[in-house]
Amino acid sequence: MSQDGETTMNANKTDITEPTGGDRWYLNIMSPNTKGEKFAWLDPTTIYINGDAFHDLLNDLVSDLENVTCDVIAGLDAMGFVLGSALATRLGVGFLPIRKAGKLCVDTDSVTFSNYSGRMQDMEMRKAAFAAGTKVLLVDQWIETGGTMDGAIRLVQRQGGKVAGLVAIAMEDNEKTASYRQRFPCVTAVLPDSDFQQQCNRQSLDSFANYEPSMAFPKW
């Protein structure tokens, strides 16, 4: 192939890490784990750094929530605060933080749960946080084992709230998350049964092979 031909082909090649990179392009800029087994297998927060990525993520989630109604969004400590509060602003509803235990200076209700690593932890929610019958949309950044979300569901239901649905960037497939999909509306940026869902299930994204931190840099 001539140099001119190669240059033309490269110019026409779609960059999947840019807004022109197709549907849900922002999933390709998530960072792989570089610190070992004690940490989560990826870091989705790179999506929040890139303004175009964060904007398009929220657009997709809001669109997919079209048939879900809620009175308030509850975000799970800590990264559910970022995604949950942004969605609350977009949807025009309030935001309720569900905290790790021992952080709130008011009366609280608490539960013990098993996090993604299998470690037992406690989380708490202010008491009372809402009137009985309030429709609460639960938001976390990522649902891996479902243990953390299980604790949040129990807190909401214990105060008489109705779980309006679950939202995350992705929900990995397992027995617990399958039960969530049966019981509640579940909205994720990673679409169920997609190739990206399969990559999440095996906890290794194809995009990791070419990942560079600069993919998430703010544009200026």
N, C-alpha and C. Protein backbone atom coordinates (compact mmCIF):
# COMPACT_ATOMS: atom_id res chain seq x y z
N MET A 1 0.85 -1.19 0.00
CA MET A 1 0.00 0.00 0.00
C MET A 1 0.88 1.24 0.00
N SER A 2 0.50 2.24 -0.80
CA SER A 2 1.28 3.46 -0.85
C SER A 2 1.14 4.24 0.44
N GLN A 3 2.08 5.14 0.68
CA GLN A 3 2.01 5.97 1.88
C GLN A 3 0.75 6.81 1.88
N ASP A 4 0.35 7.32 0.68
CA ASP A 4 -0.87 8.12 0.60
C ASP A 4 -2.09 7.29 0.94
N GLY A 5 -2.09 6.02 0.46
CA GLY A 5 -3.22 5.14 0.75
C GLY A 5 -3.32 4.83 2.22
N GLU A 6 -2.17 4.60 2.87
CA GLU A 6 -2.17 4.30 4.30
C GLU A 6 -2.63 5.50 5.10
N THR A 7 -2.20 6.69 4.68
CA THR A 7 -2.61 7.91 5.37
C THR A 7 -4.12 8.10 5.28
N THR A 8 -4.69 7.83 4.09
CA THR A 8 -6.13 7.97 3.90
C THR A 8 -6.89 6.99 4.77
N MET A 9 -6.40 5.73 4.84
CA MET A 9 -7.07 4.71 5.65
C MET A 9 -7.05 5.10 7.11
N ASN A 10 -5.91 5.59 7.61
CA ASN A 10 -5.81 6.01 9.01
C ASN A 10 -6.72 7.18 9.30
N ALA A 11 -6.85 8.08 8.32
CA ALA A 11 -7.71 9.25 8.52
C ALA A 11 -9.17 8.86 8.62
N ASN A 12 -9.53 7.76 7.92
CA ASN A 12 -10.93 7.32 7.93
C ASN A 12 -11.24 6.38 9.08
N LYS A 13 -10.23 5.96 9.82
CA LYS A 13 -10.44 5.02 10.92
C LYS A 13 -11.12 5.73 12.09
N THR A 14 -12.19 5.13 12.61
CA THR A 14 -12.95 5.73 13.71
C THR A 14 -12.20 5.57 15.02
N ASP A 15 -12.08 6.65 15.76
CA ASP A 15 -11.48 6.61 17.09
C ASP A 15 -12.58 6.33 18.10
N ILE A 16 -12.58 5.13 18.67
CA ILE A 16 -13.67 4.74 19.58
C ILE A 16 -13.60 5.44 20.92
N THR A 17 -12.55 6.22 21.15
CA THR A 17 -12.42 6.95 22.41
C THR A 17 -12.83 8.42 22.27
N GLU A 18 -13.45 8.76 21.15
CA GLU A 18 -13.92 10.12 20.91
C GLU A 18 -15.44 10.11 20.74
N PRO A 19 -16.09 11.27 20.90
CA PRO A 19 -17.55 11.33 20.77
C PRO A 19 -18.07 10.80 19.44
N THR A 20 -17.23 10.80 18.40
CA THR A 20 -17.63 10.27 17.10
C THR A 20 -17.45 8.75 17.03
N GLY A 21 -17.06 8.14 18.13
CA GLY A 21 -16.70 6.72 18.13
C GLY A 21 -17.85 5.76 18.25
N GLY A 22 -19.08 6.23 18.12
CA GLY A 22 -20.22 5.33 18.13
C GLY A 22 -20.99 5.35 19.44
N ASP A 23 -22.07 4.58 19.47
CA ASP A 23 -22.94 4.52 20.64
C ASP A 23 -22.18 4.07 21.88
N ARG A 24 -22.35 4.79 22.99
CA ARG A 24 -21.72 4.49 24.28
C ARG A 24 -20.19 4.48 24.17
N TRP A 25 -19.67 5.35 23.32
CA TRP A 25 -18.23 5.43 23.08
C TRP A 25 -17.43 5.63 24.35
N TYR A 26 -18.01 6.33 25.32
CA TYR A 26 -17.30 6.69 26.55
C TYR A 26 -16.89 5.48 27.38
N LEU A 27 -17.53 4.34 27.15
CA LEU A 27 -17.14 3.13 27.90
C LEU A 27 -15.73 2.69 27.56
N ASN A 28 -15.22 3.14 26.42
CA ASN A 28 -13.88 2.75 25.99
C ASN A 28 -12.77 3.54 26.66
N ILE A 29 -13.11 4.54 27.48
CA ILE A 29 -12.04 5.31 28.14
C ILE A 29 -11.93 4.97 29.63
N MET A 30 -12.62 3.91 30.06
CA MET A 30 -12.49 3.50 31.46
C MET A 30 -11.12 2.88 31.69
N SER A 31 -10.54 3.16 32.85
CA SER A 31 -9.16 2.76 33.13
C SER A 31 -9.07 1.37 33.73
N PRO A 32 -8.08 0.57 33.31
CA PRO A 32 -7.86 -0.73 33.96
C PRO A 32 -7.20 -0.56 35.33
N ASN A 33 -7.37 -1.53 36.18
CA ASN A 33 -6.70 -1.58 37.48
C ASN A 33 -5.19 -1.71 37.25
N THR A 34 -4.41 -0.87 37.90
CA THR A 34 -2.95 -0.96 37.81
C THR A 34 -2.31 -1.22 39.17
N LYS A 35 -3.14 -1.50 40.21
CA LYS A 35 -2.61 -1.60 41.57
C LYS A 35 -2.85 -2.96 42.24
N GLY A 36 -3.39 -3.92 41.53
CA GLY A 36 -3.46 -5.26 42.09
C GLY A 36 -4.82 -5.69 42.61
N GLU A 37 -4.85 -6.90 43.19
CA GLU A 37 -6.09 -7.59 43.54
C GLU A 37 -6.89 -6.93 44.66
N LYS A 38 -6.28 -6.09 45.47
CA LYS A 38 -7.01 -5.46 46.57
C LYS A 38 -7.95 -4.36 46.09
N PHE A 39 -7.88 -4.03 44.82
CA PHE A 39 -8.68 -2.94 44.27
C PHE A 39 -9.66 -3.47 43.23
N ALA A 40 -10.65 -2.65 42.90
CA ALA A 40 -11.60 -3.01 41.85
C ALA A 40 -10.87 -3.22 40.53
N TRP A 41 -11.46 -3.99 39.63
CA TRP A 41 -10.75 -4.38 38.40
C TRP A 41 -10.69 -3.27 37.36
N LEU A 42 -11.44 -2.21 37.56
CA LEU A 42 -11.36 -1.07 36.64
C LEU A 42 -11.76 0.20 37.38
N ASP A 43 -11.47 1.34 36.73
CA ASP A 43 -11.83 2.64 37.31
C ASP A 43 -12.67 3.42 36.30
N PRO A 44 -13.99 3.47 36.50
CA PRO A 44 -14.85 4.20 35.57
C PRO A 44 -14.79 5.71 35.72
N THR A 45 -14.11 6.24 36.74
CA THR A 45 -14.17 7.68 37.00
C THR A 45 -13.53 8.50 35.90
N THR A 46 -12.77 7.87 35.02
CA THR A 46 -12.22 8.60 33.88
C THR A 46 -13.34 9.18 33.02
N ILE A 47 -14.50 8.55 33.03
CA ILE A 47 -15.64 9.10 32.28
C ILE A 47 -16.03 10.46 32.82
N TYR A 48 -15.94 10.66 34.13
CA TYR A 48 -16.34 11.93 34.74
C TYR A 48 -15.35 13.05 34.42
N ILE A 49 -14.08 12.69 34.20
CA ILE A 49 -13.06 13.70 33.92
C ILE A 49 -13.30 14.35 32.56
N ASN A 50 -13.68 13.54 31.60
CA ASN A 50 -13.89 14.01 30.24
C ASN A 50 -15.32 14.56 30.12
N GLY A 51 -15.44 15.85 29.88
CA GLY A 51 -16.75 16.48 29.86
C GLY A 51 -17.70 15.90 28.83
N ASP A 52 -17.19 15.62 27.63
CA ASP A 52 -18.04 15.03 26.59
C ASP A 52 -18.54 13.65 27.02
N ALA A 53 -17.65 12.88 27.64
CA ALA A 53 -18.01 11.53 28.08
C ALA A 53 -19.08 11.57 29.17
N PHE A 54 -18.88 12.42 30.17
CA PHE A 54 -19.84 12.53 31.27
C PHE A 54 -21.20 12.99 30.75
N HIS A 55 -21.17 13.96 29.86
CA HIS A 55 -22.40 14.50 29.28
C HIS A 55 -23.17 13.40 28.53
N ASP A 56 -22.46 12.63 27.71
CA ASP A 56 -23.13 11.59 26.91
C ASP A 56 -23.59 10.43 27.78
N LEU A 57 -22.83 10.10 28.83
CA LEU A 57 -23.27 9.08 29.78
C LEU A 57 -24.61 9.47 30.40
N LEU A 58 -24.69 10.70 30.89
CA LEU A 58 -25.93 11.17 31.52
C LEU A 58 -27.08 11.21 30.52
N ASN A 59 -26.80 11.64 29.29
CA ASN A 59 -27.85 11.65 28.27
C ASN A 59 -28.43 10.26 28.05
N ASP A 60 -27.55 9.27 27.96
CA ASP A 60 -28.01 7.90 27.72
C ASP A 60 -28.83 7.37 28.90
N LEU A 61 -28.36 7.62 30.11
CA LEU A 61 -29.09 7.13 31.28
C LEU A 61 -30.45 7.81 31.41
N VAL A 62 -30.48 9.12 31.22
CA VAL A 62 -31.75 9.85 31.30
C VAL A 62 -32.73 9.34 30.25
N SER A 63 -32.24 9.11 29.04
CA SER A 63 -33.10 8.58 27.98
C SER A 63 -33.66 7.21 28.34
N ASP A 64 -32.81 6.36 28.90
CA ASP A 64 -33.25 5.01 29.26
C ASP A 64 -34.15 5.00 30.50
N LEU A 65 -34.16 6.10 31.25
CA LEU A 65 -35.02 6.22 32.43
C LEU A 65 -36.38 6.84 32.09
N GLU A 66 -36.66 6.99 30.83
CA GLU A 66 -37.87 7.70 30.39
C GLU A 66 -39.14 7.14 31.02
N ASN A 67 -39.21 5.83 31.21
CA ASN A 67 -40.42 5.21 31.75
C ASN A 67 -40.32 4.90 33.24
N VAL A 68 -39.30 5.44 33.89
CA VAL A 68 -39.12 5.23 35.33
C VAL A 68 -39.37 6.55 36.05
N THR A 69 -40.25 6.55 37.03
CA THR A 69 -40.52 7.76 37.80
C THR A 69 -39.99 7.60 39.22
N CYS A 70 -39.49 8.68 39.77
CA CYS A 70 -38.98 8.65 41.14
C CYS A 70 -39.22 9.99 41.80
N ASP A 71 -39.22 9.98 43.12
CA ASP A 71 -39.37 11.21 43.90
C ASP A 71 -38.02 11.74 44.38
N VAL A 72 -37.06 10.85 44.52
CA VAL A 72 -35.73 11.22 45.00
C VAL A 72 -34.74 10.17 44.52
N ILE A 73 -33.49 10.59 44.36
CA ILE A 73 -32.41 9.67 44.02
C ILE A 73 -31.54 9.47 45.24
N ALA A 74 -31.23 8.23 45.56
CA ALA A 74 -30.31 7.90 46.65
C ALA A 74 -29.03 7.35 46.04
N GLY A 75 -27.90 7.99 46.36
CA GLY A 75 -26.61 7.57 45.84
C GLY A 75 -25.81 6.86 46.91
N LEU A 76 -25.10 5.81 46.50
CA LEU A 76 -24.33 4.99 47.44
C LEU A 76 -22.91 5.52 47.57
N ASP A 77 -22.44 5.62 48.80
CA ASP A 77 -21.10 6.07 49.14
C ASP A 77 -20.06 5.14 48.50
N ALA A 78 -19.06 5.66 47.76
CA ALA A 78 -18.88 7.08 47.56
C ALA A 78 -19.16 7.48 46.11
N MET A 79 -18.82 6.62 45.15
CA MET A 79 -18.89 7.05 43.77
C MET A 79 -20.32 7.16 43.26
N GLY A 80 -21.26 6.54 43.96
CA GLY A 80 -22.66 6.75 43.61
C GLY A 80 -23.10 8.18 43.86
N PHE A 81 -22.33 8.91 44.67
CA PHE A 81 -22.64 10.33 44.90
C PHE A 81 -22.45 11.13 43.62
N VAL A 82 -21.39 10.84 42.87
CA VAL A 82 -21.09 11.59 41.65
C VAL A 82 -22.19 11.37 40.62
N LEU A 83 -22.43 10.12 40.31
CA LEU A 83 -23.42 9.80 39.28
C LEU A 83 -24.83 10.13 39.74
N GLY A 84 -25.14 9.83 41.00
CA GLY A 84 -26.48 10.06 41.52
C GLY A 84 -26.86 11.52 41.57
N SER A 85 -25.95 12.36 42.05
CA SER A 85 -26.28 13.79 42.15
C SER A 85 -26.40 14.43 40.77
N ALA A 86 -25.57 13.98 39.83
CA ALA A 86 -25.68 14.50 38.47
C ALA A 86 -27.01 14.11 37.85
N LEU A 87 -27.44 12.88 38.05
CA LEU A 87 -28.73 12.44 37.53
C LEU A 87 -29.89 13.17 38.21
N ALA A 88 -29.77 13.40 39.52
CA ALA A 88 -30.82 14.11 40.24
C ALA A 88 -31.01 15.51 39.66
N THR A 89 -29.91 16.17 39.33
CA THR A 89 -30.00 17.50 38.73
C THR A 89 -30.69 17.43 37.37
N ARG A 90 -30.32 16.44 36.58
CA ARG A 90 -30.93 16.27 35.25
C ARG A 90 -32.43 15.98 35.36
N LEU A 91 -32.82 15.17 36.34
CA LEU A 91 -34.21 14.75 36.46
C LEU A 91 -35.06 15.72 37.29
N GLY A 92 -34.41 16.69 37.94
CA GLY A 92 -35.15 17.67 38.72
C GLY A 92 -35.70 17.14 40.02
N VAL A 93 -34.98 16.18 40.64
CA VAL A 93 -35.41 15.64 41.94
C VAL A 93 -34.28 15.82 42.95
N GLY A 94 -34.59 15.53 44.22
CA GLY A 94 -33.59 15.67 45.26
C GLY A 94 -32.61 14.50 45.29
N PHE A 95 -31.56 14.67 46.10
CA PHE A 95 -30.52 13.65 46.22
C PHE A 95 -30.32 13.28 47.68
N LEU A 96 -30.34 11.99 47.97
CA LEU A 96 -30.16 11.46 49.32
C LEU A 96 -28.90 10.60 49.37
N PRO A 97 -27.89 10.99 50.15
CA PRO A 97 -26.69 10.16 50.25
C PRO A 97 -26.87 9.01 51.23
N ILE A 98 -26.48 7.82 50.81
CA ILE A 98 -26.40 6.67 51.71
C ILE A 98 -24.92 6.48 52.04
N ARG A 99 -24.58 6.64 53.32
CA ARG A 99 -23.19 6.79 53.73
C ARG A 99 -22.61 5.50 54.32
N LYS A 100 -21.29 5.45 54.32
CA LYS A 100 -20.62 4.45 55.14
C LYS A 100 -20.90 4.80 56.60
N ALA A 101 -20.96 3.80 57.45
CA ALA A 101 -21.39 4.01 58.84
C ALA A 101 -20.46 4.96 59.59
N GLY A 102 -21.06 5.74 60.51
CA GLY A 102 -20.29 6.61 61.38
C GLY A 102 -20.00 7.98 60.82
N LYS A 103 -20.65 8.38 59.72
CA LYS A 103 -20.36 9.65 59.07
C LYS A 103 -21.41 10.73 59.34
N LEU A 104 -22.63 10.33 59.68
CA LEU A 104 -23.72 11.30 59.82
C LEU A 104 -23.91 11.72 61.27
N CYS A 105 -24.22 13.00 61.48
CA CYS A 105 -24.37 13.54 62.84
C CYS A 105 -25.83 13.57 63.28
N VAL A 106 -26.68 12.83 62.58
CA VAL A 106 -28.11 12.76 62.92
C VAL A 106 -28.49 11.31 63.18
N ASP A 107 -29.73 11.10 63.64
CA ASP A 107 -30.20 9.73 63.85
C ASP A 107 -30.17 8.96 62.52
N THR A 108 -29.72 7.72 62.59
CA THR A 108 -29.58 6.93 61.37
C THR A 108 -30.12 5.51 61.54
N ASP A 109 -30.36 4.89 60.42
CA ASP A 109 -30.66 3.47 60.34
C ASP A 109 -29.47 2.84 59.62
N SER A 110 -29.01 1.68 60.06
CA SER A 110 -27.82 1.08 59.45
C SER A 110 -28.05 -0.39 59.14
N VAL A 111 -27.28 -0.89 58.16
CA VAL A 111 -27.30 -2.30 57.80
C VAL A 111 -25.87 -2.76 57.56
N THR A 112 -25.66 -4.06 57.70
CA THR A 112 -24.38 -4.67 57.37
C THR A 112 -24.50 -5.35 56.01
N PHE A 113 -23.48 -5.20 55.18
CA PHE A 113 -23.52 -5.78 53.84
C PHE A 113 -22.13 -6.30 53.48
N SER A 114 -22.08 -7.11 52.44
CA SER A 114 -20.82 -7.64 51.92
C SER A 114 -20.48 -6.90 50.64
N ASN A 115 -19.33 -6.21 50.60
CA ASN A 115 -18.98 -5.42 49.42
C ASN A 115 -18.42 -6.32 48.31
N TYR A 116 -17.95 -5.68 47.22
CA TYR A 116 -17.52 -6.44 46.04
C TYR A 116 -16.35 -7.37 46.33
N SER A 117 -15.57 -7.05 47.37
CA SER A 117 -14.41 -7.89 47.71
C SER A 117 -14.77 -8.98 48.71
N GLY A 118 -16.03 -8.99 49.17
CA GLY A 118 -16.45 -9.96 50.16
C GLY A 118 -16.28 -9.50 51.59
N ARG A 119 -15.76 -8.27 51.78
CA ARG A 119 -15.55 -7.74 53.12
C ARG A 119 -16.86 -7.19 53.69
N MET A 120 -17.12 -7.47 54.96
CA MET A 120 -18.34 -6.99 55.60
C MET A 120 -18.17 -5.53 56.02
N GLN A 121 -19.16 -4.70 55.70
CA GLN A 121 -19.15 -3.29 56.05
C GLN A 121 -20.54 -2.87 56.51
N ASP A 122 -20.62 -1.67 57.08
CA ASP A 122 -21.90 -1.11 57.48
C ASP A 122 -22.17 0.16 56.68
N MET A 123 -23.42 0.38 56.32
CA MET A 123 -23.83 1.64 55.69
C MET A 123 -25.03 2.18 56.45
N GLU A 124 -25.25 3.48 56.32
CA GLU A 124 -26.33 4.10 57.07
C GLU A 124 -27.05 5.16 56.25
N MET A 125 -28.28 5.42 56.66
CA MET A 125 -29.10 6.44 56.03
C MET A 125 -29.81 7.22 57.13
N ARG A 126 -29.95 8.52 56.94
CA ARG A 126 -30.60 9.33 57.97
C ARG A 126 -32.00 8.80 58.24
N LYS A 127 -32.47 9.00 59.48
CA LYS A 127 -33.77 8.49 59.91
C LYS A 127 -34.54 9.62 60.59
N ALA A 128 -35.67 10.00 59.99
CA ALA A 128 -36.28 9.48 58.77
C ALA A 128 -35.82 10.33 57.58
N ALA A 129 -35.69 9.65 56.43
CA ALA A 129 -35.19 10.32 55.23
C ALA A 129 -36.31 10.75 54.30
N PHE A 130 -37.47 10.09 54.40
CA PHE A 130 -38.58 10.39 53.50
C PHE A 130 -39.86 9.78 54.08
N ALA A 131 -40.99 10.18 53.52
CA ALA A 131 -42.28 9.63 53.95
C ALA A 131 -42.48 8.24 53.36
N ALA A 132 -43.23 7.42 54.05
CA ALA A 132 -43.55 6.09 53.52
C ALA A 132 -44.23 6.22 52.16
N GLY A 133 -43.85 5.34 51.25
CA GLY A 133 -44.41 5.38 49.90
C GLY A 133 -43.59 6.18 48.91
N THR A 134 -42.55 6.87 49.38
CA THR A 134 -41.68 7.64 48.49
C THR A 134 -40.97 6.71 47.51
N LYS A 135 -40.95 7.09 46.24
CA LYS A 135 -40.29 6.30 45.20
C LYS A 135 -38.82 6.72 45.11
N VAL A 136 -37.93 5.79 45.46
CA VAL A 136 -36.49 6.08 45.56
C VAL A 136 -35.74 5.35 44.45
N LEU A 137 -35.01 6.10 43.65
CA LEU A 137 -34.16 5.52 42.60
C LEU A 137 -32.74 5.38 43.17
N LEU A 138 -32.24 4.15 43.22
CA LEU A 138 -30.92 3.88 43.80
C LEU A 138 -29.85 3.91 42.73
N VAL A 139 -28.77 4.66 43.00
CA VAL A 139 -27.70 4.83 42.01
C VAL A 139 -26.35 4.49 42.63
N ASP A 140 -25.61 3.64 41.96
CA ASP A 140 -24.22 3.37 42.31
C ASP A 140 -23.41 3.43 41.02
N GLN A 141 -22.11 3.58 41.15
CA GLN A 141 -21.28 3.67 39.96
C GLN A 141 -21.24 2.34 39.20
N TRP A 142 -21.10 1.24 39.96
CA TRP A 142 -20.93 -0.08 39.34
C TRP A 142 -21.55 -1.11 40.27
N ILE A 143 -22.24 -2.09 39.72
CA ILE A 143 -22.80 -3.18 40.52
C ILE A 143 -22.09 -4.46 40.12
N GLU A 144 -21.22 -4.95 41.00
CA GLU A 144 -20.41 -6.14 40.69
C GLU A 144 -21.05 -7.39 41.28
N THR A 145 -20.98 -7.54 42.59
CA THR A 145 -21.61 -8.71 43.24
C THR A 145 -23.05 -8.43 43.64
N GLY A 146 -23.40 -7.16 43.79
CA GLY A 146 -24.74 -6.78 44.22
C GLY A 146 -24.90 -6.64 45.72
N GLY A 147 -23.84 -6.93 46.48
CA GLY A 147 -23.93 -6.88 47.93
C GLY A 147 -24.17 -5.49 48.48
N THR A 148 -23.47 -4.50 47.95
CA THR A 148 -23.64 -3.13 48.42
C THR A 148 -25.05 -2.63 48.11
N MET A 149 -25.51 -2.90 46.91
CA MET A 149 -26.86 -2.48 46.53
C MET A 149 -27.91 -3.17 47.40
N ASP A 150 -27.65 -4.41 47.79
CA ASP A 150 -28.58 -5.13 48.66
C ASP A 150 -28.79 -4.39 49.97
N GLY A 151 -27.69 -3.86 50.54
CA GLY A 151 -27.80 -3.09 51.77
C GLY A 151 -28.63 -1.83 51.59
N ALA A 152 -28.44 -1.14 50.46
CA ALA A 152 -29.19 0.08 50.19
C ALA A 152 -30.68 -0.21 50.01
N ILE A 153 -30.99 -1.29 49.33
CA ILE A 153 -32.40 -1.68 49.14
C ILE A 153 -33.06 -1.91 50.49
N ARG A 154 -32.37 -2.59 51.38
CA ARG A 154 -32.93 -2.87 52.71
C ARG A 154 -33.17 -1.59 53.49
N LEU A 155 -32.25 -0.63 53.39
CA LEU A 155 -32.42 0.64 54.10
C LEU A 155 -33.66 1.38 53.60
N VAL A 156 -33.82 1.45 52.30
CA VAL A 156 -34.97 2.16 51.72
C VAL A 156 -36.27 1.48 52.11
N GLN A 157 -36.32 0.19 51.98
CA GLN A 157 -37.57 -0.53 52.28
C GLN A 157 -37.88 -0.52 53.77
N ARG A 158 -36.86 -0.48 54.60
CA ARG A 158 -37.08 -0.45 56.05
C ARG A 158 -37.81 0.82 56.47
N GLN A 159 -37.59 1.92 55.73
CA GLN A 159 -38.28 3.18 56.05
C GLN A 159 -39.57 3.35 55.26
N GLY A 160 -40.02 2.28 54.61
CA GLY A 160 -41.28 2.34 53.88
C GLY A 160 -41.18 2.92 52.49
N GLY A 161 -39.95 3.11 52.00
CA GLY A 161 -39.78 3.61 50.64
C GLY A 161 -39.99 2.52 49.61
N LYS A 162 -40.33 2.94 48.40
CA LYS A 162 -40.48 2.02 47.27
C LYS A 162 -39.28 2.18 46.35
N VAL A 163 -38.58 1.09 46.08
CA VAL A 163 -37.43 1.15 45.18
C VAL A 163 -37.94 1.32 43.76
N ALA A 164 -37.71 2.51 43.19
CA ALA A 164 -38.21 2.82 41.85
C ALA A 164 -37.38 2.16 40.77
N GLY A 165 -36.13 1.85 41.09
CA GLY A 165 -35.24 1.23 40.11
C GLY A 165 -33.80 1.34 40.57
N LEU A 166 -32.92 0.70 39.80
CA LEU A 166 -31.49 0.72 40.07
C LEU A 166 -30.77 1.27 38.85
N VAL A 167 -29.76 2.10 39.09
CA VAL A 167 -28.99 2.70 37.99
C VAL A 167 -27.50 2.54 38.28
N ALA A 168 -26.73 2.21 37.25
CA ALA A 168 -25.28 2.12 37.36
C ALA A 168 -24.69 2.20 35.96
N ILE A 169 -23.39 2.42 35.90
CA ILE A 169 -22.73 2.34 34.59
C ILE A 169 -22.83 0.92 34.06
N ALA A 170 -22.63 -0.07 34.94
CA ALA A 170 -22.76 -1.47 34.54
C ALA A 170 -23.24 -2.31 35.71
N MET A 171 -23.89 -3.41 35.38
CA MET A 171 -24.29 -4.40 36.37
C MET A 171 -23.81 -5.76 35.86
N GLU A 172 -22.82 -6.33 36.55
CA GLU A 172 -22.30 -7.61 36.11
C GLU A 172 -23.32 -8.72 36.37
N ASP A 173 -23.33 -9.72 35.50
CA ASP A 173 -24.32 -10.78 35.58
C ASP A 173 -23.95 -11.82 36.63
N ASN A 174 -24.84 -12.04 37.58
CA ASN A 174 -24.72 -13.13 38.55
C ASN A 174 -26.12 -13.40 39.11
N GLU A 175 -26.22 -14.33 40.03
CA GLU A 175 -27.53 -14.71 40.54
C GLU A 175 -28.25 -13.55 41.23
N LYS A 176 -27.50 -12.77 42.01
CA LYS A 176 -28.14 -11.66 42.73
C LYS A 176 -28.60 -10.56 41.78
N THR A 177 -27.73 -10.19 40.81
CA THR A 177 -28.13 -9.13 39.89
C THR A 177 -29.26 -9.59 38.97
N ALA A 178 -29.32 -10.88 38.67
CA ALA A 178 -30.45 -11.40 37.89
C ALA A 178 -31.76 -11.20 38.65
N SER A 179 -31.70 -11.38 39.97
CA SER A 179 -32.91 -11.16 40.77
C SER A 179 -33.28 -9.69 40.79
N TYR A 180 -32.29 -8.79 40.77
CA TYR A 180 -32.58 -7.36 40.71
C TYR A 180 -33.32 -7.02 39.42
N ARG A 181 -32.87 -7.59 38.31
CA ARG A 181 -33.50 -7.29 37.02
C ARG A 181 -34.95 -7.78 36.99
N GLN A 182 -35.24 -8.83 37.73
CA GLN A 182 -36.61 -9.34 37.80
C GLN A 182 -37.50 -8.49 38.70
N ARG A 183 -36.90 -7.92 39.76
CA ARG A 183 -37.69 -7.21 40.77
C ARG A 183 -37.84 -5.72 40.50
N PHE A 184 -36.85 -5.12 39.84
CA PHE A 184 -36.83 -3.67 39.68
C PHE A 184 -36.48 -3.28 38.25
N PRO A 185 -36.90 -2.09 37.80
CA PRO A 185 -36.35 -1.54 36.57
C PRO A 185 -34.85 -1.27 36.79
N CYS A 186 -34.02 -1.76 35.89
CA CYS A 186 -32.57 -1.59 36.02
C CYS A 186 -32.05 -0.90 34.76
N VAL A 187 -31.40 0.23 34.95
CA VAL A 187 -30.88 1.01 33.83
C VAL A 187 -29.36 1.11 33.96
N THR A 188 -28.65 0.67 32.93
CA THR A 188 -27.19 0.72 32.94
C THR A 188 -26.70 1.24 31.59
N ALA A 189 -25.55 1.93 31.63
CA ALA A 189 -24.95 2.40 30.38
C ALA A 189 -24.50 1.22 29.53
N VAL A 190 -23.97 0.19 30.19
CA VAL A 190 -23.63 -1.05 29.49
C VAL A 190 -24.93 -1.83 29.29
N LEU A 191 -25.33 -2.01 28.05
CA LEU A 191 -26.62 -2.62 27.76
C LEU A 191 -26.58 -4.13 27.99
N PRO A 192 -27.62 -4.69 28.61
CA PRO A 192 -27.66 -6.14 28.83
C PRO A 192 -27.55 -6.91 27.52
N ASP A 193 -26.88 -8.05 27.57
CA ASP A 193 -26.71 -8.95 26.42
C ASP A 193 -25.83 -8.37 25.32
N SER A 194 -25.20 -7.23 25.57
CA SER A 194 -24.29 -6.66 24.57
C SER A 194 -22.91 -7.28 24.70
N ASP A 195 -22.08 -7.06 23.68
CA ASP A 195 -20.69 -7.53 23.76
C ASP A 195 -19.97 -6.88 24.93
N PHE A 196 -20.28 -5.61 25.18
CA PHE A 196 -19.64 -4.92 26.30
C PHE A 196 -20.05 -5.56 27.63
N GLN A 197 -21.30 -6.04 27.72
CA GLN A 197 -21.73 -6.73 28.93
C GLN A 197 -20.89 -7.99 29.16
N GLN A 198 -20.61 -8.71 28.11
CA GLN A 198 -19.80 -9.92 28.24
C GLN A 198 -18.38 -9.59 28.69
N GLN A 199 -17.83 -8.48 28.19
CA GLN A 199 -16.51 -8.04 28.63
C GLN A 199 -16.52 -7.70 30.12
N CYS A 200 -17.59 -7.05 30.56
CA CYS A 200 -17.70 -6.71 31.99
C CYS A 200 -17.82 -7.97 32.83
N ASN A 201 -18.55 -8.95 32.34
CA ASN A 201 -18.71 -10.20 33.09
C ASN A 201 -17.37 -10.92 33.29
N ARG A 202 -16.51 -10.84 32.29
CA ARG A 202 -15.20 -11.49 32.44
C ARG A 202 -14.16 -10.55 33.05
N GLN A 203 -14.60 -9.33 33.37
CA GLN A 203 -13.78 -8.33 34.06
C GLN A 203 -12.49 -8.01 33.31
N SER A 204 -12.65 -7.81 32.02
CA SER A 204 -11.54 -7.39 31.17
C SER A 204 -12.11 -6.77 29.91
N LEU A 205 -11.85 -5.49 29.69
CA LEU A 205 -12.37 -4.80 28.53
C LEU A 205 -11.37 -4.85 27.38
N ASP A 206 -11.87 -5.02 26.17
CA ASP A 206 -10.99 -5.02 24.99
C ASP A 206 -10.21 -3.72 24.89
N SER A 207 -10.83 -2.62 25.32
CA SER A 207 -10.19 -1.30 25.22
C SER A 207 -8.98 -1.17 26.12
N PHE A 208 -8.83 -2.04 27.11
CA PHE A 208 -7.67 -1.97 28.01
C PHE A 208 -6.36 -2.12 27.24
N ALA A 209 -6.38 -2.86 26.14
CA ALA A 209 -5.15 -3.14 25.39
C ALA A 209 -4.51 -1.87 24.87
N ASN A 210 -5.33 -0.86 24.59
CA ASN A 210 -4.82 0.39 24.03
C ASN A 210 -5.07 1.59 24.93
N TYR A 211 -5.35 1.33 26.21
CA TYR A 211 -5.71 2.43 27.10
C TYR A 211 -4.53 3.36 27.36
N GLU A 212 -4.80 4.64 27.30
CA GLU A 212 -3.85 5.69 27.67
C GLU A 212 -4.58 6.70 28.54
N PRO A 213 -3.97 7.18 29.64
CA PRO A 213 -4.65 8.16 30.50
C PRO A 213 -5.14 9.39 29.74
N SER A 214 -4.43 9.76 28.68
CA SER A 214 -4.80 10.97 27.93
C SER A 214 -6.17 10.86 27.28
N MET A 215 -6.68 9.63 27.15
CA MET A 215 -8.01 9.45 26.56
C MET A 215 -9.08 10.19 27.36
N ALA A 216 -8.86 10.33 28.65
CA ALA A 216 -9.86 10.96 29.52
C ALA A 216 -9.55 12.41 29.84
N PHE A 217 -8.45 12.93 29.32
CA PHE A 217 -8.08 14.31 29.66
C PHE A 217 -9.19 15.28 29.25
N PRO A 218 -9.46 16.31 30.08
CA PRO A 218 -10.41 17.35 29.67
C PRO A 218 -9.93 18.03 28.39
N LYS A 219 -10.88 18.37 27.54
CA LYS A 219 -10.55 19.05 26.29
C LYS A 219 -10.42 20.55 26.54
N TRP A 220 -9.41 21.16 25.95
CA TRP A 220 -9.24 22.60 26.08
C TRP A 220 -8.57 23.16 24.84
